[in-house]
């Protein structure tokens, strides 16, 4: 297997969480599935330790639906689309609690990533998309490792403060998603609508 193919498969498996899911179920991947530079589950893309240094100074944003003001995400980052650097958007590293996948996967003209729209749980408006399968060029490009994107014209944002509530929170200081207790939704946000 070529180094390119091996890296693509490793990234695809890690991004889909297949290896981690198998391990949680007590299964082991086939012994012939060897991935060079395999990361442990604590150092996956959602870990800020793996975040490329150019993103450490980015501000963490809270994102709200522009139509109904429902909280969509508390771990947002202002970003630029890899396939078209003129397009600004927001992205996040974890599945947001304020949206739901809708429709089927599709590809755009700019790259071969498979994506699916995401809609606000409050009003149903499409507010962004999820990259369900990144294409090799996008995986190899310098990226922030985020696969949940929000359109800037569909969301409002505000800067998130750190735990002291006095300083703006930067991605370099943001806890990993599983340790980010401030990422939990308010009780009001959890109420079914």
N, C-alpha and C. Protein backbone atom coordinates (compact mmCIF):
# COMPACT_ATOMS: atom_id res chain seq x y z
N UNK A 1 0.86 -1.17 0.00
CA UNK A 1 0.00 0.00 0.00
C UNK A 1 0.90 1.23 0.00
N UNK A 2 0.58 2.22 -0.84
CA UNK A 2 1.40 3.42 -0.91
C UNK A 2 1.26 4.22 0.39
N UNK A 3 2.26 5.06 0.65
CA UNK A 3 2.23 5.91 1.84
C UNK A 3 1.02 6.84 1.81
N UNK A 4 0.71 7.37 0.61
CA UNK A 4 -0.45 8.26 0.44
C UNK A 4 -1.74 7.52 0.81
N UNK A 5 -1.92 6.30 0.27
CA UNK A 5 -3.13 5.51 0.55
C UNK A 5 -3.21 5.15 2.02
N UNK A 6 -2.08 4.78 2.59
CA UNK A 6 -2.06 4.41 4.00
C UNK A 6 -2.45 5.60 4.88
N UNK A 7 -1.90 6.79 4.58
CA UNK A 7 -2.25 7.98 5.35
C UNK A 7 -3.71 8.35 5.16
N UNK A 8 -4.22 8.23 3.93
CA UNK A 8 -5.62 8.54 3.67
C UNK A 8 -6.53 7.61 4.46
N UNK A 9 -6.23 6.31 4.45
CA UNK A 9 -7.03 5.35 5.21
C UNK A 9 -6.95 5.62 6.70
N UNK A 10 -5.73 5.89 7.20
CA UNK A 10 -5.58 6.17 8.62
C UNK A 10 -6.41 7.38 9.01
N UNK A 11 -6.31 8.47 8.23
CA UNK A 11 -7.08 9.68 8.54
C UNK A 11 -8.58 9.42 8.45
N UNK A 12 -9.00 8.66 7.44
CA UNK A 12 -10.43 8.36 7.30
C UNK A 12 -10.93 7.58 8.50
N UNK A 13 -10.16 6.56 8.92
CA UNK A 13 -10.57 5.74 10.06
C UNK A 13 -10.57 6.56 11.34
N UNK A 14 -9.54 7.40 11.54
CA UNK A 14 -9.48 8.21 12.75
C UNK A 14 -10.60 9.23 12.77
N UNK A 15 -10.85 9.88 11.63
CA UNK A 15 -11.90 10.90 11.59
C UNK A 15 -13.27 10.29 11.82
N UNK A 16 -13.48 9.09 11.32
CA UNK A 16 -14.77 8.44 11.52
C UNK A 16 -14.85 7.81 12.90
N UNK A 17 -13.71 7.70 13.60
CA UNK A 17 -13.71 7.12 14.93
C UNK A 17 -13.87 5.62 14.93
N UNK A 18 -13.63 4.97 13.79
CA UNK A 18 -13.85 3.53 13.68
C UNK A 18 -12.95 2.76 14.63
N UNK A 19 -11.68 3.10 14.66
CA UNK A 19 -10.75 2.38 15.53
C UNK A 19 -11.17 2.53 16.99
N UNK A 20 -11.52 3.76 17.40
CA UNK A 20 -11.93 3.99 18.78
C UNK A 20 -13.24 3.26 19.11
N UNK A 21 -14.19 3.25 18.16
CA UNK A 21 -15.45 2.55 18.39
C UNK A 21 -15.20 1.06 18.57
N UNK A 22 -14.31 0.49 17.74
CA UNK A 22 -14.00 -0.93 17.85
C UNK A 22 -13.37 -1.23 19.21
N UNK A 23 -12.46 -0.35 19.66
CA UNK A 23 -11.81 -0.56 20.94
C UNK A 23 -12.81 -0.47 22.09
N UNK A 24 -13.76 0.47 22.00
CA UNK A 24 -14.78 0.60 23.05
C UNK A 24 -15.67 -0.63 23.13
N UNK A 25 -15.87 -1.30 22.00
CA UNK A 25 -16.69 -2.50 21.97
C UNK A 25 -15.89 -3.75 22.35
N UNK A 26 -14.62 -3.56 22.67
CA UNK A 26 -13.78 -4.69 23.04
C UNK A 26 -13.24 -5.44 21.85
N UNK A 27 -13.34 -4.85 20.65
CA UNK A 27 -12.84 -5.49 19.43
C UNK A 27 -11.49 -4.90 19.09
N UNK A 28 -10.71 -5.67 18.38
CA UNK A 28 -9.43 -5.17 17.92
C UNK A 28 -9.45 -5.13 16.40
N UNK A 29 -8.91 -4.05 15.81
CA UNK A 29 -8.83 -4.02 14.35
C UNK A 29 -7.95 -5.17 13.87
N UNK A 30 -8.17 -5.62 12.64
CA UNK A 30 -7.34 -6.67 12.06
C UNK A 30 -5.87 -6.31 12.26
N UNK A 31 -5.07 -7.31 12.55
CA UNK A 31 -3.66 -7.04 12.83
C UNK A 31 -2.94 -6.49 11.61
N UNK A 32 -3.47 -6.75 10.40
CA UNK A 32 -2.80 -6.23 9.21
C UNK A 32 -3.20 -4.79 8.91
N UNK A 33 -4.10 -4.21 9.70
CA UNK A 33 -4.44 -2.80 9.54
C UNK A 33 -3.49 -1.98 10.40
N UNK A 34 -2.33 -1.69 9.88
CA UNK A 34 -1.35 -0.90 10.60
C UNK A 34 -1.37 0.51 10.06
N UNK A 35 -1.48 1.48 10.96
CA UNK A 35 -1.52 2.88 10.56
C UNK A 35 -0.28 3.57 11.08
N UNK A 36 0.56 4.12 10.17
CA UNK A 36 1.74 4.83 10.65
C UNK A 36 1.33 6.05 11.44
N UNK A 37 2.11 6.35 12.48
CA UNK A 37 1.86 7.53 13.32
C UNK A 37 0.46 7.55 13.91
N UNK A 38 -0.07 6.39 14.25
CA UNK A 38 -1.42 6.34 14.80
C UNK A 38 -1.45 7.08 16.13
N UNK A 39 -2.46 7.95 16.30
CA UNK A 39 -2.61 8.74 17.52
C UNK A 39 -3.46 7.98 18.51
N UNK A 40 -3.27 8.23 19.79
CA UNK A 40 -4.17 7.66 20.79
C UNK A 40 -5.47 8.44 20.75
N UNK A 41 -6.53 7.88 21.32
CA UNK A 41 -7.83 8.53 21.26
C UNK A 41 -7.83 9.88 21.96
N UNK A 42 -6.92 10.10 22.92
CA UNK A 42 -6.90 11.38 23.61
C UNK A 42 -6.22 12.47 22.79
N UNK A 43 -5.57 12.10 21.69
CA UNK A 43 -4.88 13.09 20.87
C UNK A 43 -5.49 13.22 19.49
N UNK A 44 -6.77 12.93 19.34
CA UNK A 44 -7.42 13.07 18.05
C UNK A 44 -7.57 14.54 17.72
N UNK A 45 -8.09 14.84 16.53
CA UNK A 45 -8.22 16.21 16.06
C UNK A 45 -8.99 17.10 17.03
N UNK A 46 -9.91 16.53 17.81
CA UNK A 46 -10.66 17.38 18.73
C UNK A 46 -9.81 17.88 19.89
N UNK A 47 -8.63 17.30 20.06
CA UNK A 47 -7.72 17.76 21.11
C UNK A 47 -7.02 19.02 20.64
N UNK A 48 -6.99 20.03 21.47
CA UNK A 48 -6.33 21.27 21.08
C UNK A 48 -4.82 21.12 21.05
N UNK A 49 -4.28 20.03 21.62
CA UNK A 49 -2.85 19.79 21.52
C UNK A 49 -2.45 19.54 20.07
N UNK A 50 -3.35 19.01 19.25
CA UNK A 50 -3.08 18.74 17.85
C UNK A 50 -3.40 19.91 16.95
N UNK A 51 -4.01 20.94 17.48
CA UNK A 51 -4.39 22.09 16.69
C UNK A 51 -3.13 22.79 16.19
N UNK A 52 -3.06 23.03 14.89
CA UNK A 52 -1.91 23.71 14.30
C UNK A 52 -1.70 25.04 15.02
N UNK A 53 -0.46 25.40 15.26
CA UNK A 53 -0.14 26.59 16.07
C UNK A 53 -0.75 27.88 15.51
N UNK A 54 -0.98 27.95 14.21
CA UNK A 54 -1.56 29.18 13.65
C UNK A 54 -2.99 29.41 14.12
N UNK A 55 -3.64 28.38 14.68
CA UNK A 55 -5.02 28.52 15.15
C UNK A 55 -5.10 28.78 16.65
N UNK A 56 -3.99 28.70 17.37
CA UNK A 56 -4.00 28.87 18.83
C UNK A 56 -4.48 30.26 19.25
N UNK A 57 -4.21 31.27 18.47
CA UNK A 57 -4.59 32.64 18.85
C UNK A 57 -6.00 33.01 18.40
N UNK A 58 -6.71 32.08 17.80
CA UNK A 58 -8.09 32.34 17.36
C UNK A 58 -9.02 32.41 18.57
N UNK A 59 -10.01 33.27 18.48
CA UNK A 59 -10.99 33.47 19.55
C UNK A 59 -12.07 32.39 19.46
N UNK A 60 -12.46 31.86 20.62
CA UNK A 60 -13.56 30.90 20.68
C UNK A 60 -14.87 31.70 20.64
N UNK A 61 -15.77 31.29 19.76
CA UNK A 61 -17.05 31.99 19.58
C UNK A 61 -18.22 31.11 19.98
N UNK A 62 -19.24 31.74 20.53
CA UNK A 62 -20.53 31.09 20.73
C UNK A 62 -21.37 31.46 19.52
N UNK A 63 -22.07 30.48 18.95
CA UNK A 63 -22.85 30.71 17.74
C UNK A 63 -24.33 30.52 18.02
N UNK A 64 -25.13 31.41 17.45
CA UNK A 64 -26.59 31.41 17.63
C UNK A 64 -27.26 31.47 16.27
N UNK A 65 -28.40 30.82 16.14
CA UNK A 65 -29.18 30.89 14.91
C UNK A 65 -29.66 32.32 14.72
N UNK A 66 -29.42 32.87 13.54
CA UNK A 66 -29.83 34.24 13.27
C UNK A 66 -31.35 34.37 13.20
N UNK A 67 -32.05 33.30 12.87
CA UNK A 67 -33.51 33.36 12.74
C UNK A 67 -34.24 33.26 14.07
N UNK A 68 -33.79 32.35 14.96
CA UNK A 68 -34.56 32.12 16.20
C UNK A 68 -33.73 32.28 17.47
N UNK A 69 -32.44 32.60 17.34
CA UNK A 69 -31.55 32.87 18.47
C UNK A 69 -31.25 31.66 19.35
N UNK A 70 -31.51 30.45 18.88
CA UNK A 70 -31.14 29.24 19.62
C UNK A 70 -29.62 29.08 19.61
N UNK A 71 -29.06 28.65 20.74
CA UNK A 71 -27.62 28.38 20.80
C UNK A 71 -27.31 27.16 19.95
N UNK A 72 -26.41 27.33 18.99
CA UNK A 72 -26.02 26.23 18.11
C UNK A 72 -24.74 25.56 18.58
N UNK A 73 -23.80 26.38 19.07
CA UNK A 73 -22.46 25.87 19.36
C UNK A 73 -21.75 26.83 20.29
N UNK A 74 -20.93 26.30 21.19
CA UNK A 74 -20.14 27.14 22.10
C UNK A 74 -18.64 26.98 21.88
N UNK A 75 -18.27 26.29 20.81
CA UNK A 75 -16.86 26.06 20.49
C UNK A 75 -16.57 26.48 19.04
N UNK A 76 -17.07 27.62 18.62
CA UNK A 76 -16.90 28.06 17.24
C UNK A 76 -15.57 28.77 17.00
N UNK A 77 -15.14 28.73 15.75
CA UNK A 77 -13.93 29.42 15.31
C UNK A 77 -14.23 30.08 13.97
N UNK A 78 -13.83 31.34 13.81
CA UNK A 78 -13.93 32.01 12.51
C UNK A 78 -12.92 31.34 11.60
N UNK A 79 -13.35 30.95 10.40
CA UNK A 79 -12.49 30.16 9.52
C UNK A 79 -12.67 30.61 8.07
N UNK A 80 -11.83 30.04 7.22
CA UNK A 80 -11.89 30.27 5.77
C UNK A 80 -12.02 28.92 5.10
N UNK A 81 -12.88 28.82 4.11
CA UNK A 81 -13.09 27.58 3.38
C UNK A 81 -11.82 27.19 2.63
N UNK A 82 -11.35 25.96 2.81
CA UNK A 82 -10.13 25.51 2.14
C UNK A 82 -10.27 25.53 0.62
N UNK A 83 -11.43 25.12 0.11
CA UNK A 83 -11.62 25.01 -1.34
C UNK A 83 -11.86 26.35 -2.02
N UNK A 84 -12.18 27.40 -1.26
CA UNK A 84 -12.41 28.73 -1.81
C UNK A 84 -12.10 29.75 -0.71
N UNK A 85 -10.89 30.27 -0.71
CA UNK A 85 -10.42 31.12 0.38
C UNK A 85 -11.13 32.47 0.47
N UNK A 86 -12.03 32.77 -0.47
CA UNK A 86 -12.82 33.99 -0.39
C UNK A 86 -14.04 33.81 0.52
N UNK A 87 -14.33 32.56 0.88
CA UNK A 87 -15.52 32.26 1.67
C UNK A 87 -15.16 32.16 3.15
N UNK A 88 -15.76 33.05 3.97
CA UNK A 88 -15.59 32.98 5.42
C UNK A 88 -16.76 32.22 6.02
N UNK A 89 -16.48 31.49 7.08
CA UNK A 89 -17.50 30.75 7.80
C UNK A 89 -17.04 30.53 9.22
N UNK A 90 -17.85 29.84 10.00
CA UNK A 90 -17.46 29.42 11.34
C UNK A 90 -17.36 27.90 11.32
N UNK A 91 -16.52 27.36 12.19
CA UNK A 91 -16.39 25.91 12.28
C UNK A 91 -16.29 25.51 13.74
N UNK A 92 -16.48 24.21 14.00
CA UNK A 92 -16.31 23.68 15.34
C UNK A 92 -15.74 22.28 15.26
N UNK A 93 -15.14 21.85 16.37
CA UNK A 93 -14.45 20.56 16.40
C UNK A 93 -15.30 19.42 16.94
N UNK A 94 -16.48 19.69 17.44
CA UNK A 94 -17.32 18.63 18.01
C UNK A 94 -18.73 18.74 17.44
N UNK A 95 -19.48 17.65 17.44
CA UNK A 95 -20.85 17.74 16.95
C UNK A 95 -21.66 18.73 17.79
N UNK A 96 -22.17 19.78 17.17
CA UNK A 96 -22.92 20.79 17.92
C UNK A 96 -24.27 20.24 18.38
N UNK A 97 -24.69 20.67 19.57
CA UNK A 97 -25.93 20.17 20.15
C UNK A 97 -27.16 20.90 19.63
N UNK A 98 -26.98 22.01 18.95
CA UNK A 98 -28.12 22.80 18.51
C UNK A 98 -28.54 22.57 17.07
N UNK A 99 -27.96 21.55 16.41
CA UNK A 99 -28.28 21.29 15.00
C UNK A 99 -28.55 19.80 14.78
N UNK A 100 -29.13 19.52 13.62
CA UNK A 100 -29.40 18.14 13.21
C UNK A 100 -29.02 18.00 11.74
N UNK A 101 -28.41 16.86 11.39
CA UNK A 101 -28.12 16.57 9.98
C UNK A 101 -29.43 16.43 9.23
N UNK A 102 -29.48 16.98 8.01
CA UNK A 102 -30.68 16.87 7.18
C UNK A 102 -30.29 16.52 5.75
N UNK A 103 -31.17 15.82 5.05
CA UNK A 103 -30.93 15.50 3.65
C UNK A 103 -29.87 14.43 3.46
N UNK A 104 -29.37 14.38 2.24
CA UNK A 104 -28.37 13.38 1.85
C UNK A 104 -27.01 14.04 1.65
N UNK A 105 -25.96 13.23 1.64
CA UNK A 105 -24.62 13.72 1.34
C UNK A 105 -24.57 14.22 -0.10
N UNK A 106 -23.72 15.22 -0.33
CA UNK A 106 -23.48 15.71 -1.68
C UNK A 106 -22.07 16.28 -1.76
N UNK A 107 -21.61 16.57 -2.98
CA UNK A 107 -20.30 17.18 -3.19
C UNK A 107 -20.48 18.53 -3.87
N UNK A 108 -19.54 19.42 -3.65
CA UNK A 108 -19.57 20.73 -4.31
C UNK A 108 -18.66 20.71 -5.53
N UNK A 109 -18.65 21.81 -6.27
CA UNK A 109 -17.78 21.92 -7.44
C UNK A 109 -16.32 22.09 -7.05
N UNK A 110 -16.07 22.64 -5.86
CA UNK A 110 -14.71 23.05 -5.49
C UNK A 110 -13.81 21.92 -5.03
N UNK A 111 -14.37 20.86 -4.45
CA UNK A 111 -13.55 19.74 -3.99
C UNK A 111 -14.41 18.49 -3.94
N UNK A 112 -13.83 17.38 -3.53
CA UNK A 112 -14.55 16.11 -3.52
C UNK A 112 -14.94 15.65 -2.12
N UNK A 113 -14.99 16.58 -1.17
CA UNK A 113 -15.48 16.23 0.16
C UNK A 113 -16.97 15.90 0.07
N UNK A 114 -17.40 14.90 0.82
CA UNK A 114 -18.84 14.62 0.96
C UNK A 114 -19.34 15.44 2.13
N UNK A 115 -20.41 16.19 1.91
CA UNK A 115 -20.96 17.04 2.96
C UNK A 115 -22.47 16.82 3.07
N UNK A 116 -23.01 17.20 4.22
CA UNK A 116 -24.46 17.11 4.46
C UNK A 116 -24.88 18.35 5.22
N UNK A 117 -26.01 18.91 4.84
CA UNK A 117 -26.52 20.12 5.49
C UNK A 117 -26.88 19.85 6.94
N UNK A 118 -26.78 20.91 7.77
CA UNK A 118 -27.25 20.85 9.15
C UNK A 118 -28.27 21.97 9.35
N UNK A 119 -29.32 21.65 10.10
CA UNK A 119 -30.40 22.60 10.34
C UNK A 119 -30.52 22.89 11.83
N UNK A 120 -30.94 24.10 12.14
CA UNK A 120 -31.17 24.53 13.52
C UNK A 120 -32.30 23.71 14.13
N UNK A 121 -32.11 23.25 15.36
CA UNK A 121 -33.16 22.50 16.05
C UNK A 121 -34.32 23.40 16.49
N UNK A 122 -34.09 24.71 16.54
CA UNK A 122 -35.15 25.62 16.96
C UNK A 122 -36.13 25.95 15.87
N UNK A 123 -35.62 26.28 14.66
CA UNK A 123 -36.51 26.74 13.59
C UNK A 123 -36.45 25.88 12.33
N UNK A 124 -35.46 25.02 12.21
CA UNK A 124 -35.35 24.16 11.04
C UNK A 124 -34.59 24.75 9.87
N UNK A 125 -34.13 25.99 9.98
CA UNK A 125 -33.37 26.60 8.88
C UNK A 125 -32.01 25.93 8.75
N UNK A 126 -31.56 25.76 7.50
CA UNK A 126 -30.22 25.24 7.25
C UNK A 126 -29.23 26.34 7.62
N UNK A 127 -28.31 26.01 8.54
CA UNK A 127 -27.37 27.00 9.06
C UNK A 127 -25.92 26.67 8.70
N UNK A 128 -25.69 25.51 8.08
CA UNK A 128 -24.34 25.11 7.74
C UNK A 128 -24.31 23.70 7.19
N UNK A 129 -23.16 23.03 7.36
CA UNK A 129 -23.01 21.67 6.86
C UNK A 129 -21.96 20.93 7.66
N UNK A 130 -21.96 19.62 7.51
CA UNK A 130 -20.98 18.73 8.16
C UNK A 130 -20.22 18.00 7.06
N UNK A 131 -18.90 17.99 7.16
CA UNK A 131 -18.07 17.23 6.22
C UNK A 131 -18.10 15.77 6.70
N UNK A 132 -18.84 14.93 5.98
CA UNK A 132 -18.97 13.53 6.39
C UNK A 132 -17.78 12.70 5.94
N UNK A 133 -17.14 13.08 4.82
CA UNK A 133 -15.94 12.40 4.34
C UNK A 133 -15.05 13.41 3.64
N UNK A 134 -13.97 13.85 4.30
CA UNK A 134 -13.08 14.82 3.66
C UNK A 134 -12.31 14.19 2.50
N UNK A 135 -12.03 14.97 1.48
CA UNK A 135 -11.25 14.48 0.34
C UNK A 135 -9.75 14.58 0.67
N UNK A 136 -8.91 13.80 0.00
CA UNK A 136 -7.47 13.80 0.29
C UNK A 136 -6.81 15.19 0.23
N UNK A 137 -7.08 16.03 -0.80
CA UNK A 137 -6.44 17.35 -0.80
C UNK A 137 -6.79 18.19 0.42
N UNK A 138 -8.04 18.12 0.88
CA UNK A 138 -8.44 18.90 2.06
C UNK A 138 -7.79 18.34 3.32
N UNK A 139 -7.66 17.01 3.40
CA UNK A 139 -7.00 16.41 4.56
C UNK A 139 -5.53 16.80 4.64
N UNK A 140 -4.89 16.94 3.47
CA UNK A 140 -3.46 17.25 3.44
C UNK A 140 -3.18 18.73 3.60
N UNK A 141 -4.16 19.58 3.33
CA UNK A 141 -3.97 21.03 3.46
C UNK A 141 -3.87 21.40 4.94
N UNK A 142 -3.27 22.56 5.21
CA UNK A 142 -3.23 23.05 6.58
C UNK A 142 -4.66 23.40 6.97
N UNK A 143 -5.20 22.65 7.94
CA UNK A 143 -6.59 22.87 8.34
C UNK A 143 -6.70 22.80 9.84
N UNK A 144 -7.86 23.22 10.36
CA UNK A 144 -8.05 23.26 11.81
C UNK A 144 -8.66 21.97 12.36
N UNK A 145 -8.90 20.98 11.49
CA UNK A 145 -9.44 19.70 11.95
C UNK A 145 -10.92 19.73 12.27
N UNK A 146 -11.60 20.79 11.88
CA UNK A 146 -13.03 20.93 12.17
C UNK A 146 -13.86 20.44 10.98
N UNK A 147 -14.93 19.71 11.28
CA UNK A 147 -15.77 19.15 10.22
C UNK A 147 -17.23 19.63 10.30
N UNK A 148 -17.52 20.56 11.18
CA UNK A 148 -18.85 21.15 11.30
C UNK A 148 -18.72 22.63 10.95
N UNK A 149 -19.40 23.09 9.90
CA UNK A 149 -19.27 24.44 9.39
C UNK A 149 -20.61 25.18 9.49
N UNK A 150 -20.51 26.50 9.74
CA UNK A 150 -21.70 27.35 9.84
C UNK A 150 -21.53 28.53 8.90
N UNK A 151 -22.60 28.86 8.17
CA UNK A 151 -22.59 30.00 7.26
C UNK A 151 -22.66 31.30 8.06
N UNK A 152 -21.81 32.26 7.71
CA UNK A 152 -21.78 33.52 8.46
C UNK A 152 -23.08 34.31 8.31
N UNK A 153 -23.81 34.12 7.22
CA UNK A 153 -25.06 34.86 7.06
C UNK A 153 -26.25 34.18 7.75
N UNK A 154 -26.03 33.01 8.35
CA UNK A 154 -27.11 32.28 9.04
C UNK A 154 -26.94 32.25 10.56
N UNK A 155 -25.79 32.72 11.04
CA UNK A 155 -25.53 32.67 12.48
C UNK A 155 -25.05 34.02 13.00
N UNK A 156 -25.32 34.27 14.26
CA UNK A 156 -24.73 35.40 14.99
C UNK A 156 -23.69 34.81 15.92
N UNK A 157 -22.68 35.59 16.25
CA UNK A 157 -21.63 35.08 17.14
C UNK A 157 -21.30 36.10 18.22
N UNK A 158 -20.77 35.59 19.31
CA UNK A 158 -20.20 36.45 20.34
C UNK A 158 -18.98 35.73 20.90
N UNK A 159 -18.05 36.51 21.40
CA UNK A 159 -16.81 35.94 21.93
C UNK A 159 -17.10 35.24 23.25
N UNK A 160 -16.54 34.06 23.40
CA UNK A 160 -16.73 33.30 24.65
C UNK A 160 -15.67 33.73 25.66
N UNK A 161 -16.07 33.87 26.90
CA UNK A 161 -15.13 34.25 27.97
C UNK A 161 -14.58 33.01 28.65
N UNK A 162 -13.41 33.16 29.27
CA UNK A 162 -12.82 32.04 30.00
C UNK A 162 -13.57 31.81 31.31
N UNK A 163 -13.11 30.87 32.12
CA UNK A 163 -13.83 30.50 33.35
C UNK A 163 -13.90 31.63 34.37
N UNK A 164 -12.99 32.61 34.28
CA UNK A 164 -13.05 33.76 35.19
C UNK A 164 -14.09 34.78 34.74
N UNK A 165 -14.56 34.64 33.51
CA UNK A 165 -15.53 35.55 32.89
C UNK A 165 -14.96 36.95 32.70
N UNK A 166 -13.62 37.06 32.69
CA UNK A 166 -12.97 38.36 32.54
C UNK A 166 -12.18 38.48 31.25
N UNK A 167 -11.71 37.36 30.72
CA UNK A 167 -10.87 37.39 29.51
C UNK A 167 -11.54 36.62 28.38
N UNK A 168 -11.27 37.06 27.16
CA UNK A 168 -11.76 36.35 25.99
C UNK A 168 -10.99 35.03 25.88
N UNK A 169 -11.71 33.95 25.63
CA UNK A 169 -11.12 32.61 25.55
C UNK A 169 -10.52 32.39 24.17
N UNK A 170 -9.27 31.92 24.15
CA UNK A 170 -8.59 31.58 22.91
C UNK A 170 -8.55 30.06 22.77
N UNK A 171 -8.42 29.59 21.53
CA UNK A 171 -8.40 28.15 21.28
C UNK A 171 -7.22 27.48 21.97
N UNK A 172 -6.12 28.19 22.17
CA UNK A 172 -4.96 27.60 22.86
C UNK A 172 -5.30 27.22 24.29
N UNK A 173 -6.29 27.88 24.90
CA UNK A 173 -6.65 27.65 26.30
C UNK A 173 -7.97 26.91 26.46
N UNK A 174 -8.58 26.54 25.36
CA UNK A 174 -9.87 25.83 25.41
C UNK A 174 -9.64 24.37 25.79
N UNK A 175 -10.35 23.86 26.80
CA UNK A 175 -10.18 22.45 27.16
C UNK A 175 -10.65 21.54 26.02
N UNK A 176 -10.14 20.31 26.02
CA UNK A 176 -10.64 19.32 25.07
C UNK A 176 -12.15 19.22 25.22
N UNK A 177 -12.83 18.85 24.17
CA UNK A 177 -14.30 18.84 24.16
C UNK A 177 -14.88 18.05 25.32
N UNK A 178 -14.33 16.89 25.60
CA UNK A 178 -14.89 16.04 26.66
C UNK A 178 -14.66 16.62 28.06
N UNK A 179 -13.75 17.59 28.19
CA UNK A 179 -13.48 18.22 29.49
C UNK A 179 -14.04 19.64 29.57
N UNK A 180 -14.68 20.09 28.52
CA UNK A 180 -15.18 21.47 28.43
C UNK A 180 -16.58 21.55 29.04
N UNK A 181 -16.64 21.76 30.36
CA UNK A 181 -17.95 21.79 31.02
C UNK A 181 -18.75 23.02 30.62
N UNK A 182 -18.09 24.09 30.19
CA UNK A 182 -18.82 25.27 29.74
C UNK A 182 -19.47 25.05 28.38
N UNK A 183 -19.12 23.94 27.71
CA UNK A 183 -19.72 23.62 26.42
C UNK A 183 -21.11 23.01 26.58
N UNK A 184 -21.43 22.56 27.80
CA UNK A 184 -22.74 21.96 28.04
C UNK A 184 -23.83 23.00 27.83
N UNK A 185 -24.94 22.56 27.30
CA UNK A 185 -26.06 23.46 27.05
C UNK A 185 -26.76 23.82 28.37
N UNK A 186 -27.33 25.00 28.41
CA UNK A 186 -28.16 25.40 29.55
C UNK A 186 -29.38 24.50 29.60
N UNK A 187 -29.99 24.38 30.79
CA UNK A 187 -31.21 23.58 30.92
C UNK A 187 -32.28 24.04 29.94
N UNK A 188 -32.39 25.35 29.73
CA UNK A 188 -33.38 25.87 28.80
C UNK A 188 -33.12 25.37 27.39
N UNK A 189 -31.84 25.28 27.00
CA UNK A 189 -31.51 24.84 25.66
C UNK A 189 -31.82 23.36 25.45
N UNK A 190 -31.92 22.59 26.53
CA UNK A 190 -32.19 21.17 26.41
C UNK A 190 -33.67 20.84 26.33
N UNK A 191 -34.53 21.83 26.55
CA UNK A 191 -35.97 21.60 26.51
C UNK A 191 -36.38 21.27 25.08
N UNK A 192 -37.17 20.22 24.91
CA UNK A 192 -37.68 19.85 23.58
C UNK A 192 -38.63 20.94 23.09
N UNK A 193 -38.60 21.20 21.84
CA UNK A 193 -39.48 22.23 21.26
C UNK A 193 -40.51 21.56 20.39
